[in-house]
C-alpha cells in the first residue's frame, strides 16, 4: 500500500505529536520522582521511561488482542442468531421427481 505525500506527512506529524506527548510525560515522571538529575542522567531516565512505556503498551496491546480473540466467537454466534431471526425462512426448493412412464 503506497501512501500519498500528504498521507506520509500526516503520519509524520502524528508520530511527532505522539513523541512530544511521551517526552512531556517523561518530564513529568522526572519531576514527580523528586530526583535532581544532571542532564546526562536526565536523558538516561527519559530514555528508560520511553523504553519501559513501549514495553507496557506492547503488553497491553497483546492482552487486548488476546481478549478480543476470546470474545469474537461468542459475538459471531450472537450476531448469527440475531440475523437468522430477522431473515425470512427460506424453504428449500424441491423439484418434483419425474416418474418413469410405464408401458413404453
N, C-alpha and C. Protein backbone atom coordinates (compact mmCIF):
# COMPACT_ATOMS: atom_id res chain seq x y z
N UNK A 1 0.85 -1.18 0.00
CA UNK A 1 0.00 0.00 0.00
C UNK A 1 0.89 1.24 0.00
N UNK A 2 0.72 2.05 -1.00
CA UNK A 2 1.52 3.25 -1.09
C UNK A 2 0.71 4.43 -0.61
N UNK A 3 1.38 5.30 0.15
CA UNK A 3 0.72 6.48 0.66
C UNK A 3 1.11 7.68 -0.19
N UNK A 4 0.19 8.59 -0.27
CA UNK A 4 0.48 9.83 -0.97
C UNK A 4 1.42 10.66 -0.11
N UNK A 5 2.07 11.65 -0.69
CA UNK A 5 2.93 12.52 0.12
C UNK A 5 2.16 13.19 1.27
N UNK A 6 0.92 13.53 1.03
CA UNK A 6 0.11 14.14 2.09
C UNK A 6 -0.12 13.16 3.24
N UNK A 7 -0.40 11.90 2.90
CA UNK A 7 -0.62 10.89 3.93
C UNK A 7 0.66 10.64 4.72
N UNK A 8 1.81 10.58 4.03
CA UNK A 8 3.08 10.39 4.73
C UNK A 8 3.36 11.56 5.67
N UNK A 9 3.09 12.77 5.20
CA UNK A 9 3.29 13.95 6.02
C UNK A 9 2.40 13.91 7.26
N UNK A 10 1.15 13.52 7.08
CA UNK A 10 0.23 13.40 8.20
C UNK A 10 0.72 12.36 9.21
N UNK A 11 1.22 11.23 8.71
CA UNK A 11 1.75 10.19 9.59
C UNK A 11 2.94 10.73 10.40
N UNK A 12 3.84 11.47 9.72
CA UNK A 12 4.99 12.05 10.41
C UNK A 12 4.54 13.03 11.49
N UNK A 13 3.54 13.84 11.18
CA UNK A 13 3.04 14.81 12.15
C UNK A 13 2.45 14.10 13.37
N UNK A 14 1.68 13.06 13.13
CA UNK A 14 1.08 12.31 14.24
C UNK A 14 2.16 11.66 15.11
N UNK A 15 3.18 11.10 14.46
CA UNK A 15 4.27 10.47 15.21
C UNK A 15 5.02 11.52 16.04
N UNK A 16 5.25 12.68 15.47
CA UNK A 16 5.93 13.74 16.21
C UNK A 16 5.09 14.19 17.41
N UNK A 17 3.80 14.31 17.23
CA UNK A 17 2.91 14.69 18.33
C UNK A 17 2.95 13.63 19.42
N UNK A 18 2.91 12.36 19.02
CA UNK A 18 2.97 11.26 19.99
C UNK A 18 4.28 11.31 20.78
N UNK A 19 5.39 11.53 20.08
CA UNK A 19 6.69 11.60 20.76
C UNK A 19 6.75 12.78 21.72
N UNK A 20 6.19 13.91 21.31
CA UNK A 20 6.17 15.08 22.19
C UNK A 20 5.35 14.80 23.45
N UNK A 21 4.23 14.10 23.28
CA UNK A 21 3.40 13.76 24.44
C UNK A 21 4.17 12.84 25.40
N UNK A 22 4.84 11.85 24.85
CA UNK A 22 5.60 10.92 25.69
C UNK A 22 6.76 11.65 26.36
N UNK A 23 7.42 12.53 25.63
CA UNK A 23 8.52 13.32 26.22
C UNK A 23 7.98 14.16 27.37
N UNK A 24 6.81 14.77 27.18
CA UNK A 24 6.20 15.55 28.25
C UNK A 24 5.88 14.69 29.46
N UNK A 25 5.41 13.48 29.21
CA UNK A 25 5.12 12.55 30.31
C UNK A 25 6.41 12.11 31.01
N UNK A 26 7.48 11.94 30.25
CA UNK A 26 8.77 11.59 30.85
C UNK A 26 9.26 12.75 31.72
N UNK A 27 9.11 13.98 31.24
CA UNK A 27 9.49 15.15 32.04
C UNK A 27 8.69 15.18 33.34
N UNK A 28 7.41 14.90 33.24
CA UNK A 28 6.56 14.87 34.43
C UNK A 28 7.01 13.77 35.39
N UNK A 29 7.38 12.60 34.83
CA UNK A 29 7.84 11.50 35.67
C UNK A 29 9.12 11.88 36.42
N UNK A 30 10.04 12.57 35.75
CA UNK A 30 11.27 13.02 36.41
C UNK A 30 10.91 13.99 37.53
N UNK A 31 10.05 14.94 37.24
CA UNK A 31 9.65 15.94 38.23
C UNK A 31 8.94 15.29 39.41
N UNK A 32 8.01 14.36 39.11
CA UNK A 32 7.25 13.69 40.17
C UNK A 32 8.13 12.77 41.02
N UNK A 33 9.23 12.29 40.44
CA UNK A 33 10.11 11.40 41.19
C UNK A 33 10.87 12.15 42.28
N UNK A 34 10.99 13.46 42.11
CA UNK A 34 11.73 14.25 43.09
C UNK A 34 13.23 14.16 42.91
N UNK A 35 13.68 13.47 41.89
CA UNK A 35 15.12 13.33 41.66
C UNK A 35 15.70 14.62 41.09
N UNK A 36 16.90 14.92 41.51
CA UNK A 36 17.64 16.05 40.95
C UNK A 36 18.73 15.44 40.06
N UNK A 37 18.50 15.42 38.78
CA UNK A 37 19.40 14.72 37.86
C UNK A 37 20.19 15.71 37.02
N UNK A 38 21.44 15.36 36.76
CA UNK A 38 22.22 16.15 35.81
C UNK A 38 21.69 15.85 34.41
N UNK A 39 22.03 16.66 33.43
CA UNK A 39 21.47 16.46 32.08
C UNK A 39 21.70 15.05 31.51
N UNK A 40 22.86 14.46 31.77
CA UNK A 40 23.13 13.12 31.23
C UNK A 40 22.21 12.08 31.89
N UNK A 41 22.07 12.12 33.20
CA UNK A 41 21.20 11.17 33.90
C UNK A 41 19.73 11.41 33.55
N UNK A 42 19.38 12.68 33.38
CA UNK A 42 18.00 13.00 32.99
C UNK A 42 17.69 12.37 31.63
N UNK A 43 18.62 12.49 30.69
CA UNK A 43 18.43 11.90 29.36
C UNK A 43 18.30 10.38 29.46
N UNK A 44 19.12 9.77 30.32
CA UNK A 44 19.03 8.31 30.52
C UNK A 44 17.69 7.93 31.15
N UNK A 45 17.25 8.72 32.13
CA UNK A 45 15.96 8.47 32.77
C UNK A 45 14.83 8.53 31.73
N UNK A 46 14.83 9.59 30.92
CA UNK A 46 13.80 9.75 29.90
C UNK A 46 13.84 8.61 28.89
N UNK A 47 15.05 8.21 28.50
CA UNK A 47 15.18 7.11 27.54
C UNK A 47 14.61 5.82 28.13
N UNK A 48 14.95 5.53 29.38
CA UNK A 48 14.42 4.32 30.03
C UNK A 48 12.91 4.41 30.19
N UNK A 49 12.41 5.60 30.53
CA UNK A 49 10.97 5.79 30.67
C UNK A 49 10.28 5.44 29.35
N UNK A 50 10.82 5.95 28.25
CA UNK A 50 10.22 5.69 26.94
C UNK A 50 10.30 4.21 26.58
N UNK A 51 11.43 3.55 26.88
CA UNK A 51 11.56 2.12 26.59
C UNK A 51 10.54 1.31 27.40
N UNK A 52 10.45 1.60 28.68
CA UNK A 52 9.52 0.86 29.53
C UNK A 52 8.08 1.14 29.15
N UNK A 53 7.82 2.36 28.76
CA UNK A 53 6.46 2.69 28.34
C UNK A 53 6.10 1.90 27.08
N UNK A 54 7.01 1.80 26.14
CA UNK A 54 6.77 1.00 24.94
C UNK A 54 6.49 -0.45 25.31
N UNK A 55 7.25 -0.97 26.25
CA UNK A 55 7.07 -2.36 26.68
C UNK A 55 5.69 -2.53 27.30
N UNK A 56 5.30 -1.60 28.16
CA UNK A 56 3.98 -1.67 28.80
C UNK A 56 2.88 -1.59 27.75
N UNK A 57 3.01 -0.67 26.81
CA UNK A 57 1.99 -0.52 25.76
C UNK A 57 1.90 -1.78 24.91
N UNK A 58 3.03 -2.39 24.58
CA UNK A 58 3.03 -3.63 23.79
C UNK A 58 2.32 -4.74 24.55
N UNK A 59 2.63 -4.86 25.84
CA UNK A 59 1.98 -5.88 26.67
C UNK A 59 0.48 -5.67 26.70
N UNK A 60 0.06 -4.42 26.86
CA UNK A 60 -1.37 -4.13 26.90
C UNK A 60 -2.04 -4.43 25.55
N UNK A 61 -1.36 -4.10 24.46
CA UNK A 61 -1.93 -4.42 23.13
C UNK A 61 -2.11 -5.92 22.97
N UNK A 62 -1.12 -6.70 23.43
CA UNK A 62 -1.21 -8.16 23.33
C UNK A 62 -2.36 -8.69 24.19
N UNK A 63 -2.51 -8.14 25.39
CA UNK A 63 -3.60 -8.57 26.27
C UNK A 63 -4.96 -8.25 25.65
N UNK A 64 -5.08 -7.07 25.09
CA UNK A 64 -6.34 -6.68 24.45
C UNK A 64 -6.64 -7.59 23.27
N UNK A 65 -5.64 -7.89 22.46
CA UNK A 65 -5.85 -8.76 21.31
C UNK A 65 -6.24 -10.17 21.75
N UNK A 66 -5.62 -10.67 22.81
CA UNK A 66 -5.97 -11.98 23.33
C UNK A 66 -7.42 -12.00 23.80
N UNK A 67 -7.83 -10.99 24.53
CA UNK A 67 -9.22 -10.90 25.00
C UNK A 67 -10.19 -10.78 23.83
N UNK A 68 -9.81 -10.00 22.82
CA UNK A 68 -10.66 -9.83 21.64
C UNK A 68 -10.88 -11.17 20.96
N UNK A 69 -9.80 -11.94 20.80
CA UNK A 69 -9.90 -13.24 20.15
C UNK A 69 -10.77 -14.19 20.94
N UNK A 70 -10.75 -14.09 22.27
CA UNK A 70 -11.60 -14.94 23.11
C UNK A 70 -13.07 -14.57 22.95
N UNK A 71 -13.35 -13.28 22.78
CA UNK A 71 -14.73 -12.79 22.73
C UNK A 71 -15.37 -12.94 21.35
N UNK A 72 -14.59 -12.93 20.30
CA UNK A 72 -15.14 -12.92 18.94
C UNK A 72 -16.05 -14.10 18.61
N UNK A 73 -15.69 -15.35 18.94
CA UNK A 73 -16.59 -16.46 18.58
C UNK A 73 -17.99 -16.30 19.19
N UNK A 74 -18.08 -15.89 20.45
CA UNK A 74 -19.39 -15.69 21.08
C UNK A 74 -20.14 -14.55 20.40
N UNK A 75 -19.43 -13.50 20.05
CA UNK A 75 -20.06 -12.37 19.36
C UNK A 75 -20.61 -12.80 18.01
N UNK A 76 -19.83 -13.57 17.28
CA UNK A 76 -20.27 -14.03 15.96
C UNK A 76 -21.50 -14.92 16.10
N UNK A 77 -21.51 -15.80 17.08
CA UNK A 77 -22.67 -16.67 17.29
C UNK A 77 -23.91 -15.85 17.65
N UNK A 78 -23.73 -14.86 18.52
CA UNK A 78 -24.85 -14.00 18.90
C UNK A 78 -25.41 -13.27 17.69
N UNK A 79 -24.54 -12.70 16.88
CA UNK A 79 -24.99 -11.99 15.69
C UNK A 79 -25.64 -12.94 14.69
N UNK A 80 -25.10 -14.14 14.58
CA UNK A 80 -25.67 -15.14 13.68
C UNK A 80 -27.11 -15.44 14.08
N UNK A 81 -27.35 -15.63 15.38
CA UNK A 81 -28.71 -15.90 15.86
C UNK A 81 -29.63 -14.71 15.60
N UNK A 82 -29.15 -13.51 15.90
CA UNK A 82 -29.97 -12.31 15.69
C UNK A 82 -30.36 -12.17 14.22
N UNK A 83 -29.42 -12.37 13.33
CA UNK A 83 -29.71 -12.15 11.93
C UNK A 83 -30.50 -13.29 11.31
N UNK A 84 -30.40 -14.48 11.86
CA UNK A 84 -31.22 -15.59 11.37
C UNK A 84 -32.67 -15.35 11.71
N UNK A 85 -32.94 -14.77 12.87
CA UNK A 85 -34.31 -14.48 13.29
C UNK A 85 -34.92 -13.42 12.38
N UNK A 86 -34.12 -12.43 12.00
CA UNK A 86 -34.62 -11.33 11.17
C UNK A 86 -34.87 -11.72 9.72
N UNK A 87 -34.25 -12.77 9.25
CA UNK A 87 -34.40 -13.17 7.86
C UNK A 87 -35.62 -14.05 7.69
N UNK A 88 -36.34 -13.88 6.57
CA UNK A 88 -37.45 -14.78 6.33
C UNK A 88 -36.92 -16.21 6.11
N UNK A 89 -37.70 -17.15 6.54
CA UNK A 89 -37.29 -18.55 6.40
C UNK A 89 -37.35 -18.91 4.94
N UNK A 90 -36.27 -19.43 4.44
CA UNK A 90 -36.21 -19.86 3.05
C UNK A 90 -36.44 -21.35 3.02
N UNK A 91 -37.47 -21.75 2.31
CA UNK A 91 -37.71 -23.18 2.20
C UNK A 91 -36.90 -23.72 1.04
N UNK A 92 -36.41 -24.92 1.20
CA UNK A 92 -35.60 -25.49 0.11
C UNK A 92 -36.49 -25.74 -1.10
N UNK A 93 -35.91 -25.54 -2.24
CA UNK A 93 -36.65 -25.77 -3.49
C UNK A 93 -36.60 -27.27 -3.78
N UNK A 94 -37.78 -27.85 -3.89
CA UNK A 94 -37.87 -29.27 -4.16
C UNK A 94 -38.43 -29.43 -5.57
N UNK A 95 -37.67 -30.10 -6.38
CA UNK A 95 -38.13 -30.36 -7.74
C UNK A 95 -38.90 -31.68 -7.72
N UNK A 96 -40.05 -31.70 -8.37
CA UNK A 96 -40.79 -32.97 -8.41
C UNK A 96 -39.97 -33.99 -9.20
N UNK A 97 -40.00 -35.19 -8.70
CA UNK A 97 -39.28 -36.28 -9.35
C UNK A 97 -40.18 -36.83 -10.44
N UNK A 98 -39.66 -36.90 -11.64
CA UNK A 98 -40.46 -37.43 -12.75
C UNK A 98 -40.56 -38.94 -12.59
N UNK A 99 -41.77 -39.40 -12.69
CA UNK A 99 -41.97 -40.85 -12.55
C UNK A 99 -41.71 -41.48 -13.90
N UNK A 100 -41.13 -42.67 -13.91
CA UNK A 100 -40.90 -43.33 -15.19
C UNK A 100 -42.24 -43.67 -15.84
N UNK A 101 -42.28 -43.41 -17.09
CA UNK A 101 -43.53 -43.72 -17.80
C UNK A 101 -43.59 -45.22 -18.04
N UNK A 102 -44.70 -45.77 -17.70
CA UNK A 102 -44.84 -47.21 -17.87
C UNK A 102 -45.46 -47.53 -19.22
N UNK A 103 -45.11 -48.66 -19.72
CA UNK A 103 -45.72 -49.15 -20.95
C UNK A 103 -45.03 -48.66 -22.18
N UNK A 104 -43.96 -48.07 -22.13
CA UNK A 104 -43.30 -47.62 -23.34
C UNK A 104 -42.05 -48.38 -23.61
